[in-house]
Amino acid sequence: MSDLDPRLPYLLVRAPDGTEQTHQLSTEAVTIGRLPDYNTIALEPDPERLISRIRHCAFEPHGGVWRLTTGTGVNPVQLVRAGRVVEVDSGIVLDDGDAVRFAAQPMTPDIAGASAWEIEFHDPQHTRPAIGVSVPLFLEYDRVGARLFRVRAGVAEEIMHLRPQEHQLVRHMDATNAASGYVTALCTHDDISAALWGDEAFNHGEAEIARIVWGLRQKIEVDASEPHVLQTVRGLGYRLVTRPYAGNR
């Protein structure tokens, strides 16, 4: 820890045998994998070969925050936040104290109870927004290129790995906003069902829509537990905060 600047974010890497090392974060992405020649941090030894050779996952800076993004890993990555396991699909914004765990034993469904590598994310002096000042946050959808961007405080980040129904939902809700001059419009449950399933909409209920919305929020929200861009209108449907695509992304 002697060379660590505690004012900046850092990673605490803990091996299954309890030994620890630290890694200072700056402005570059940090990749995690098995091979030291191809990753910023190598989790070795890994005799069972449960961690991918290259980019099992990565820690990436985005617009003043850090995100955990999944990579080529066959085996799961678990994020533990305040004692609870948080599902990570393609990526998630990290909080100070989050712990990322990787199984070190095969056939272990509960990583938390197994021998595991653990990487703790620490950023105790992260910048806080001024009281009463809201940070502009919205989505832009490129209908021609079928690309989605989250724009936060003027910084655009492309949202990757949308599932087909998540993509359909964004496309439909952005088109609804465009038709109203980009006033954030309500999309009812019936509207969404028709957009996602067409003539088969009657076979799909609100609970199925809610599951798709939940998965999409994990990718587009800064904090999925406090959604801002994909808003629930209780009993009616949802609103998606989008703006016209600015181009040149």
C-alpha atoms as a PDB file:
ATOM      1  CA  MET A   1       0.000   0.000   0.000  1.00  0.00           C
ATOM      2  CA  SER A   2       3.012   2.335   0.303  1.00  0.00           C
ATOM      3  CA  ASP A   3       2.873   3.432  -3.357  1.00  0.00           C
ATOM      4  CA  LEU A   4      -0.918   3.857  -3.346  1.00  0.00           C
ATOM      5  CA  ASP A   5      -2.511   7.286  -3.590  1.00  0.00           C
ATOM      6  CA  PRO A   6      -5.652   6.919  -1.418  1.00  0.00           C
ATOM      7  CA  ARG A   7      -7.209   9.970  -3.094  1.00  0.00           C
ATOM      8  CA  LEU A   8      -7.647   7.970  -6.298  1.00  0.00           C
ATOM      9  CA  PRO A   9      -9.699   4.803  -6.888  1.00  0.00           C
ATOM     10  CA  TYR A  10      -7.917   1.491  -6.513  1.00  0.00           C
ATOM     11  CA  LEU A  11      -8.480  -2.264  -6.547  1.00  0.00           C
ATOM     12  CA  LEU A  12      -7.654  -4.636  -3.700  1.00  0.00           C
ATOM     13  CA  VAL A  13      -7.001  -8.083  -5.181  1.00  0.00           C
ATOM     14  CA  ARG A  14      -7.338 -10.987  -2.747  1.00  0.00           C
ATOM     15  CA  ALA A  15      -6.210 -14.495  -3.784  1.00  0.00           C
ATOM     16  CA  PRO A  16      -7.914 -17.697  -2.558  1.00  0.00           C
ATOM     17  CA  ASP A  17      -5.027 -18.214  -0.108  1.00  0.00           C
ATOM     18  CA  GLY A  18      -5.691 -14.797   1.468  1.00  0.00           C
ATOM     19  CA  THR A  19      -2.699 -12.928   0.038  1.00  0.00           C
ATOM     20  CA  GLU A  20      -3.429  -9.406  -1.221  1.00  0.00           C
ATOM     21  CA  GLN A  21      -2.137  -6.891  -3.739  1.00  0.00           C
ATOM     22  CA  THR A  22      -3.354  -3.455  -4.770  1.00  0.00           C
ATOM     23  CA  HIS A  23      -3.714  -1.813  -8.162  1.00  0.00           C
ATOM     24  CA  GLN A  24      -4.118   1.945  -8.600  1.00  0.00           C
ATOM     25  CA  LEU A  25      -6.772   3.057 -11.094  1.00  0.00           C
ATOM     26  CA  SER A  26      -6.225   6.119 -13.260  1.00  0.00           C
ATOM     27  CA  THR A  27      -7.694   6.732 -16.725  1.00  0.00           C
ATOM     28  CA  GLU A  28      -7.100   3.385 -18.445  1.00  0.00           C
ATOM     29  CA  ALA A  29      -9.250   0.269 -18.483  1.00  0.00           C
ATOM     30  CA  VAL A  30      -7.984  -2.651 -16.378  1.00  0.00           C
ATOM     31  CA  THR A  31      -8.550  -6.140 -17.791  1.00  0.00           C
ATOM     32  CA  ILE A  32      -8.781  -9.272 -15.654  1.00  0.00           C
ATOM     33  CA  GLY A  33      -7.835 -12.741 -16.902  1.00  0.00           C
ATOM     34  CA  ARG A  34      -5.666 -15.791 -16.403  1.00  0.00           C
ATOM     35  CA  LEU A  35      -2.636 -14.946 -18.576  1.00  0.00           C
ATOM     36  CA  PRO A  36      -0.253 -12.216 -17.344  1.00  0.00           C
ATOM     37  CA  ASP A  37       0.939 -11.363 -20.866  1.00  0.00           C
ATOM     38  CA  TYR A  38      -2.556 -10.400 -22.038  1.00  0.00           C
ATOM     39  CA  ASN A  39      -4.226  -8.832 -18.987  1.00  0.00           C
ATOM     40  CA  THR A  40      -3.576  -5.929 -16.664  1.00  0.00           C
ATOM     41  CA  ILE A  41      -4.187  -8.178 -13.655  1.00  0.00           C
ATOM     42  CA  ALA A  42      -3.625 -11.929 -13.926  1.00  0.00           C
ATOM     43  CA  LEU A  43      -5.505 -14.174 -11.513  1.00  0.00           C
ATOM     44  CA  GLU A  44      -3.009 -16.981 -11.243  1.00  0.00           C
ATOM     45  CA  PRO A  45      -2.458 -19.710 -10.428  1.00  0.00           C
ATOM     46  CA  ASP A  46      -5.719 -21.033 -11.840  1.00  0.00           C
ATOM     47  CA  PRO A  47      -5.088 -24.798 -12.156  1.00  0.00           C
ATOM     48  CA  GLU A  48      -8.759 -25.553 -12.858  1.00  0.00           C
ATOM     49  CA  ARG A  49      -8.772 -23.019 -15.741  1.00  0.00           C
ATOM     50  CA  LEU A  50     -12.037 -21.420 -14.594  1.00  0.00           C
ATOM     51  CA  ILE A  51     -10.959 -17.879 -15.472  1.00  0.00           C
ATOM     52  CA  SER A  52     -10.706 -16.887 -19.130  1.00  0.00           C
ATOM     53  CA  ARG A  53      -7.224 -16.494 -20.583  1.00  0.00           C
ATOM     54  CA  ILE A  54      -7.962 -12.992 -21.901  1.00  0.00           C
ATOM     55  CA  ARG A  55     -10.404 -10.390 -20.548  1.00  0.00           C
ATOM     56  CA  HIS A  56     -12.632 -12.436 -18.292  1.00  0.00           C
ATOM     57  CA  CYS A  57     -13.950  -9.005 -17.289  1.00  0.00           C
ATOM     58  CA  ALA A  58     -12.708  -5.426 -17.060  1.00  0.00           C
ATOM     59  CA  PHE A  59     -12.872  -2.289 -14.938  1.00  0.00           C
ATOM     60  CA  GLU A  60     -13.463   0.685 -17.232  1.00  0.00           C
ATOM     61  CA  PRO A  61     -13.712   4.466 -16.625  1.00  0.00           C
ATOM     62  CA  HIS A  62     -16.782   6.153 -18.109  1.00  0.00           C
ATOM     63  CA  GLY A  63     -17.666   9.808 -17.581  1.00  0.00           C
ATOM     64  CA  GLY A  64     -16.342  10.136 -14.047  1.00  0.00           C
ATOM     65  CA  VAL A  65     -17.485   6.698 -12.831  1.00  0.00           C
ATOM     66  CA  TRP A  66     -16.061   3.176 -13.084  1.00  0.00           C
ATOM     67  CA  ARG A  67     -17.917   0.236 -14.603  1.00  0.00           C
ATOM     68  CA  LEU A  68     -17.443  -3.495 -14.333  1.00  0.00           C
ATOM     69  CA  THR A  69     -17.933  -5.020 -17.793  1.00  0.00           C
ATOM     70  CA  THR A  70     -18.098  -8.703 -18.596  1.00  0.00           C
ATOM     71  CA  GLY A  71     -15.874 -10.172 -21.271  1.00  0.00           C
ATOM     72  CA  THR A  72     -15.181 -13.650 -22.610  1.00  0.00           C
ATOM     73  CA  GLY A  73     -15.722 -15.500 -19.340  1.00  0.00           C
ATOM     74  CA  VAL A  74     -17.593 -18.820 -19.493  1.00  0.00           C
ATOM     75  CA  ASN A  75     -17.975 -18.891 -15.718  1.00  0.00           C
ATOM     76  CA  PRO A  76     -19.922 -16.180 -13.878  1.00  0.00           C
ATOM     77  CA  VAL A  77     -18.654 -13.034 -12.249  1.00  0.00           C
ATOM     78  CA  GLN A  78     -20.422 -12.134  -9.024  1.00  0.00           C
ATOM     79  CA  LEU A  79     -20.717  -8.579  -7.731  1.00  0.00           C
ATOM     80  CA  VAL A  80     -21.358  -8.314  -3.998  1.00  0.00           C
ATOM     81  CA  ARG A  81     -22.739  -4.953  -2.878  1.00  0.00           C
ATOM     82  CA  ALA A  82     -23.553  -4.230   0.767  1.00  0.00           C
ATOM     83  CA  GLY A  83     -23.682  -7.972   1.461  1.00  0.00           C
ATOM     84  CA  ARG A  84     -26.025  -8.777  -1.437  1.00  0.00           C
ATOM     85  CA  VAL A  85     -25.222 -10.433  -4.759  1.00  0.00           C
ATOM     86  CA  VAL A  86     -26.026  -8.177  -7.728  1.00  0.00           C
ATOM     87  CA  GLU A  87     -26.497  -9.748 -11.155  1.00  0.00           C
ATOM     88  CA  VAL A  88     -24.089  -8.505 -13.816  1.00  0.00           C
ATOM     89  CA  ASP A  89     -25.175  -8.980 -17.408  1.00  0.00           C
ATOM     90  CA  SER A  90     -22.923  -6.893 -19.643  1.00  0.00           C
ATOM     91  CA  GLY A  91     -21.879  -4.127 -17.246  1.00  0.00           C
ATOM     92  CA  ILE A  92     -22.680  -2.180 -14.098  1.00  0.00           C
ATOM     93  CA  VAL A  93     -21.517   1.066 -12.464  1.00  0.00           C
ATOM     94  CA  LEU A  94     -19.400   0.357  -9.387  1.00  0.00           C
ATOM     95  CA  ASP A  95     -19.865   1.733  -5.876  1.00  0.00           C
ATOM     96  CA  ASP A  96     -17.129   2.176  -3.282  1.00  0.00           C
ATOM     97  CA  GLY A  97     -16.706  -1.137  -1.462  1.00  0.00           C
ATOM     98  CA  ASP A  98     -18.138  -3.398  -4.186  1.00  0.00           C
ATOM     99  CA  ALA A  99     -16.494  -6.832  -4.313  1.00  0.00           C
ATOM    100  CA  VAL A 100     -16.156  -8.870  -7.516  1.00  0.00           C
ATOM    101  CA  ARG A 101     -15.746 -12.625  -7.042  1.00  0.00           C
ATOM    102  CA  PHE A 102     -14.487 -15.361  -9.368  1.00  0.00           C
ATOM    103  CA  ALA A 103     -14.853 -19.073  -8.630  1.00  0.00           C
ATOM    104  CA  ALA A 104     -11.587 -20.925  -7.983  1.00  0.00           C
ATOM    105  CA  GLN A 105     -13.211 -24.357  -7.635  1.00  0.00           C
ATOM    106  CA  PRO A 106     -15.360 -26.248 -10.164  1.00  0.00           C
ATOM    107  CA  MET A 107     -18.939 -27.338  -9.554  1.00  0.00           C
ATOM    108  CA  THR A 108     -19.612 -24.631  -6.986  1.00  0.00           C
ATOM    109  CA  PRO A 109     -22.925 -22.841  -7.610  1.00  0.00           C
ATOM    110  CA  ASP A 110     -22.412 -20.411  -4.724  1.00  0.00           C
ATOM    111  CA  ILE A 111     -19.222 -18.475  -5.362  1.00  0.00           C
ATOM    112  CA  ALA A 112     -19.504 -16.686  -2.016  1.00  0.00           C
ATOM    113  CA  GLY A 113     -19.173 -19.991  -0.157  1.00  0.00           C
ATOM    114  CA  ALA A 114     -16.283 -21.308  -2.225  1.00  0.00           C
ATOM    115  CA  SER A 115     -12.601 -20.767  -2.609  1.00  0.00           C
ATOM    116  CA  ALA A 116     -12.540 -17.647  -4.748  1.00  0.00           C
ATOM    117  CA  TRP A 117     -10.552 -14.750  -6.087  1.00  0.00           C
ATOM    118  CA  GLU A 118     -11.967 -11.433  -4.917  1.00  0.00           C
ATOM    119  CA  ILE A 119     -11.347  -7.906  -6.177  1.00  0.00           C
ATOM    120  CA  GLU A 120     -12.636  -5.008  -4.087  1.00  0.00           C
ATOM    121  CA  PHE A 121     -13.263  -1.640  -5.724  1.00  0.00           C
ATOM    122  CA  HIS A 122     -12.444   1.386  -3.554  1.00  0.00           C
ATOM    123  CA  ASP A 123     -13.160   5.021  -4.407  1.00  0.00           C
ATOM    124  CA  PRO A 124     -13.778   6.789  -1.073  1.00  0.00           C
ATOM    125  CA  GLN A 125     -13.129  10.274  -2.494  1.00  0.00           C
ATOM    126  CA  HIS A 126     -15.319  10.068  -5.590  1.00  0.00           C
ATOM    127  CA  THR A 127     -16.709  13.376  -6.815  1.00  0.00           C
ATOM    128  CA  ARG A 128     -20.208  14.200  -5.594  1.00  0.00           C
ATOM    129  CA  PRO A 129     -22.743  16.288  -7.519  1.00  0.00           C
ATOM    130  CA  ALA A 130     -23.502  19.682  -6.014  1.00  0.00           C
ATOM    131  CA  ILE A 131     -26.694  19.860  -3.957  1.00  0.00           C
ATOM    132  CA  GLY A 132     -29.609  20.828  -6.129  1.00  0.00           C
ATOM    133  CA  VAL A 133     -27.650  20.367  -9.358  1.00  0.00           C
ATOM    134  CA  SER A 134     -28.915  17.593 -11.608  1.00  0.00           C
ATOM    135  CA  VAL A 135     -26.569  15.906 -14.073  1.00  0.00           C
ATOM    136  CA  PRO A 136     -28.198  15.668 -17.532  1.00  0.00           C
ATOM    137  CA  LEU A 137     -28.832  12.002 -18.306  1.00  0.00           C
ATOM    138  CA  PHE A 138     -30.612  10.631 -21.362  1.00  0.00           C
ATOM    139  CA  LEU A 139     -30.333   8.140 -24.215  1.00  0.00           C
ATOM    140  CA  GLU A 140     -29.719   8.671 -27.910  1.00  0.00           C
ATOM    141  CA  TYR A 141     -30.727   5.990 -30.398  1.00  0.00           C
ATOM    142  CA  ASP A 142     -29.197   5.744 -33.855  1.00  0.00           C
ATOM    143  CA  ARG A 143     -32.039   4.181 -35.848  1.00  0.00           C
ATOM    144  CA  VAL A 144     -29.908   3.701 -38.964  1.00  0.00           C
ATOM    145  CA  GLY A 145     -26.961   2.050 -37.257  1.00  0.00           C
ATOM    146  CA  ALA A 146     -29.118   0.429 -34.529  1.00  0.00           C
ATOM    147  CA  ARG A 147     -26.799   1.787 -31.799  1.00  0.00           C
ATOM    148  CA  LEU A 148     -27.729   3.080 -28.372  1.00  0.00           C
ATOM    149  CA  PHE A 149     -25.835   5.689 -26.363  1.00  0.00           C
ATOM    150  CA  ARG A 150     -26.221   6.904 -22.800  1.00  0.00           C
ATOM    151  CA  VAL A 151     -25.314  10.580 -22.506  1.00  0.00           C
ATOM    152  CA  ARG A 152     -24.371  11.799 -19.048  1.00  0.00           C
ATOM    153  CA  ALA A 153     -23.126  15.336 -18.426  1.00  0.00           C
ATOM    154  CA  GLY A 154     -22.334  15.595 -22.133  1.00  0.00           C
ATOM    155  CA  VAL A 155     -20.301  12.364 -22.285  1.00  0.00           C
ATOM    156  CA  ALA A 156     -21.692   9.639 -24.589  1.00  0.00           C
ATOM    157  CA  GLU A 157     -21.178   5.945 -23.801  1.00  0.00           C
ATOM    158  CA  GLU A 158     -22.350   3.255 -26.189  1.00  0.00           C
ATOM    159  CA  ILE A 159     -24.553   0.596 -24.587  1.00  0.00           C
ATOM    160  CA  MET A 160     -23.509  -2.798 -25.862  1.00  0.00           C
ATOM    161  CA  HIS A 161     -24.928  -6.318 -25.816  1.00  0.00           C
ATOM    162  CA  LEU A 162     -28.626  -5.489 -25.922  1.00  0.00           C
ATOM    163  CA  ARG A 163     -30.795  -8.564 -26.219  1.00  0.00           C
ATOM    164  CA  PRO A 164     -33.235  -8.602 -29.166  1.00  0.00           C
ATOM    165  CA  GLN A 165     -36.309  -7.745 -27.077  1.00  0.00           C
ATOM    166  CA  GLU A 166     -34.417  -5.034 -25.187  1.00  0.00           C
ATOM    167  CA  HIS A 167     -33.407  -3.555 -28.535  1.00  0.00           C
ATOM    168  CA  GLN A 168     -37.005  -3.729 -29.792  1.00  0.00           C
ATOM    169  CA  LEU A 169     -38.230  -1.998 -26.645  1.00  0.00           C
ATOM    170  CA  VAL A 170     -35.748   0.873 -26.992  1.00  0.00           C
ATOM    171  CA  ARG A 171     -36.519   1.273 -30.684  1.00  0.00           C
ATOM    172  CA  HIS A 172     -40.273   1.407 -30.055  1.00  0.00           C
ATOM    173  CA  MET A 173     -40.056   3.829 -27.117  1.00  0.00           C
ATOM    174  CA  ASP A 174     -37.653   6.156 -28.927  1.00  0.00           C
ATOM    175  CA  ALA A 175     -39.985   6.184 -31.961  1.00  0.00           C
ATOM    176  CA  THR A 176     -42.871   7.082 -29.644  1.00  0.00           C
ATOM    177  CA  ASN A 177     -40.858   9.977 -28.250  1.00  0.00           C
ATOM    178  CA  ALA A 178     -39.868  11.113 -31.764  1.00  0.00           C
ATOM    179  CA  ALA A 179     -43.518  11.172 -32.828  1.00  0.00           C
ATOM    180  CA  SER A 180     -44.272  13.585 -29.978  1.00  0.00           C
ATOM    181  CA  GLY A 181     -41.337  15.890 -30.722  1.00  0.00           C
ATOM    182  CA  TYR A 182     -39.141  14.128 -28.180  1.00  0.00           C
ATOM    183  CA  VAL A 183     -41.389  14.848 -25.263  1.00  0.00           C
ATOM    184  CA  THR A 184     -40.867  11.813 -23.032  1.00  0.00           C
ATOM    185  CA  ALA A 185     -44.030   9.887 -23.842  1.00  0.00           C
ATOM    186  CA  LEU A 186     -45.868   7.157 -21.973  1.00  0.00           C
ATOM    187  CA  CYS A 187     -45.771   3.706 -23.551  1.00  0.00           C
ATOM    188  CA  THR A 188     -48.555   1.603 -22.096  1.00  0.00           C
ATOM    189  CA  HIS A 189     -48.274  -2.087 -21.362  1.00  0.00           C
ATOM    190  CA  ASP A 190     -50.536  -2.790 -24.373  1.00  0.00           C
ATOM    191  CA  ASP A 191     -48.347  -0.609 -26.638  1.00  0.00           C
ATOM    192  CA  ILE A 192     -45.214  -2.429 -25.530  1.00  0.00           C
ATOM    193  CA  SER A 193     -46.784  -5.882 -25.888  1.00  0.00           C
ATOM    194  CA  ALA A 194     -47.842  -5.091 -29.435  1.00  0.00           C
ATOM    195  CA  ALA A 195     -44.375  -3.772 -30.296  1.00  0.00           C
ATOM    196  CA  LEU A 196     -42.600  -6.822 -28.877  1.00  0.00           C
ATOM    197  CA  TRP A 197     -44.893  -9.668 -29.843  1.00  0.00           C
ATOM    198  CA  GLY A 198     -47.288  -8.388 -32.521  1.00  0.00           C
ATOM    199  CA  ASP A 199     -50.257 -10.701 -33.020  1.00  0.00           C
ATOM    200  CA  GLU A 200     -49.070 -12.884 -30.133  1.00  0.00           C
ATOM    201  CA  ALA A 201     -49.285 -10.016 -27.619  1.00  0.00           C
ATOM    202  CA  PHE A 202     -52.273 -11.584 -25.853  1.00  0.00           C
ATOM    203  CA  ASN A 203     -50.005 -14.458 -24.726  1.00  0.00           C
ATOM    204  CA  HIS A 204     -47.651 -12.107 -22.858  1.00  0.00           C
ATOM    205  CA  GLY A 205     -48.418 -10.186 -19.675  1.00  0.00           C
ATOM    206  CA  GLU A 206     -47.068  -7.289 -17.638  1.00  0.00           C
ATOM    207  CA  ALA A 207     -44.760  -9.552 -15.634  1.00  0.00           C
ATOM    208  CA  GLU A 208     -42.898 -10.547 -18.805  1.00  0.00           C
ATOM    209  CA  ILE A 209     -42.552  -6.897 -19.811  1.00  0.00           C
ATOM    210  CA  ALA A 210     -41.245  -6.116 -16.325  1.00  0.00           C
ATOM    211  CA  ARG A 211     -38.518  -8.766 -16.692  1.00  0.00           C
ATOM    212  CA  ILE A 212     -37.370  -7.243 -19.985  1.00  0.00           C
ATOM    213  CA  VAL A 213     -37.404  -3.774 -18.418  1.00  0.00           C
ATOM    214  CA  TRP A 214     -35.369  -5.049 -15.467  1.00  0.00           C
ATOM    215  CA  GLY A 215     -32.691  -6.494 -17.759  1.00  0.00           C
ATOM    216  CA  LEU A 216     -32.544  -3.324 -19.851  1.00  0.00           C
ATOM    217  CA  ARG A 217     -32.147  -1.159 -16.757  1.00  0.00           C
ATOM    218  CA  GLN A 218     -29.026  -3.071 -15.732  1.00  0.00           C
ATOM    219  CA  LYS A 219     -27.401  -1.802 -18.929  1.00  0.00           C
ATOM    220  CA  ILE A 220     -28.708   1.732 -19.391  1.00  0.00           C
ATOM    221  CA  GLU A 221     -29.019   3.128 -15.879  1.00  0.00           C
ATOM    222  CA  VAL A 222     -26.136   4.565 -13.859  1.00  0.00           C
ATOM    223  CA  ASP A 223     -27.773   2.908 -10.847  1.00  0.00           C
ATOM    224  CA  ALA A 224     -30.468   0.387 -11.761  1.00  0.00           C
ATOM    225  CA  SER A 225     -31.889   0.528  -8.223  1.00  0.00           C
ATOM    226  CA  GLU A 226     -32.739   4.210  -8.819  1.00  0.00           C
ATOM    227  CA  PRO A 227     -33.826   4.347 -12.479  1.00  0.00           C
ATOM    228  CA  HIS A 228     -33.831   7.724 -14.227  1.00  0.00           C
ATOM    229  CA  VAL A 229     -33.906   7.026 -17.957  1.00  0.00           C
ATOM    230  CA  LEU A 230     -36.401   4.132 -17.946  1.00  0.00           C
ATOM    231  CA  GLN A 231     -39.185   5.270 -15.648  1.00  0.00           C
ATOM    232  CA  THR A 232     -42.129   3.253 -14.348  1.00  0.00           C
ATOM    233  CA  VAL A 233     -45.578   4.826 -14.537  1.00  0.00           C
ATOM    234  CA  ARG A 234     -47.357   2.705 -11.957  1.00  0.00           C
ATOM    235  CA  GLY A 235     -50.270   0.744 -13.326  1.00  0.00           C
ATOM    236  CA  LEU A 236     -49.900   2.158 -16.833  1.00  0.00           C
ATOM    237  CA  GLY A 237     -46.503   1.448 -18.414  1.00  0.00           C
ATOM    238  CA  TYR A 238     -43.112   3.086 -18.860  1.00  0.00           C
ATOM    239  CA  ARG A 239     -41.336   6.194 -20.145  1.00  0.00           C
ATOM    240  CA  LEU A 240     -37.873   6.246 -21.720  1.00  0.00           C
ATOM    241  CA  VAL A 241     -35.866   9.479 -21.670  1.00  0.00           C
ATOM    242  CA  THR A 242     -34.396   9.854 -25.170  1.00  0.00           C
ATOM    243  CA  ARG A 243     -33.194  12.756 -27.298  1.00  0.00           C
ATOM    244  CA  PRO A 244     -32.570  12.995 -31.063  1.00  0.00           C
ATOM    245  CA  TYR A 245     -29.419  11.188 -32.146  1.00  0.00           C
ATOM    246  CA  ALA A 246     -26.619  13.754 -32.405  1.00  0.00           C
ATOM    247  CA  GLY A 247     -24.534  11.680 -34.827  1.00  0.00           C
ATOM    248  CA  ASN A 248     -20.730  11.368 -35.045  1.00  0.00           C
ATOM    249  CA  ARG A 249     -20.566   8.987 -32.090  1.00  0.00           C
END
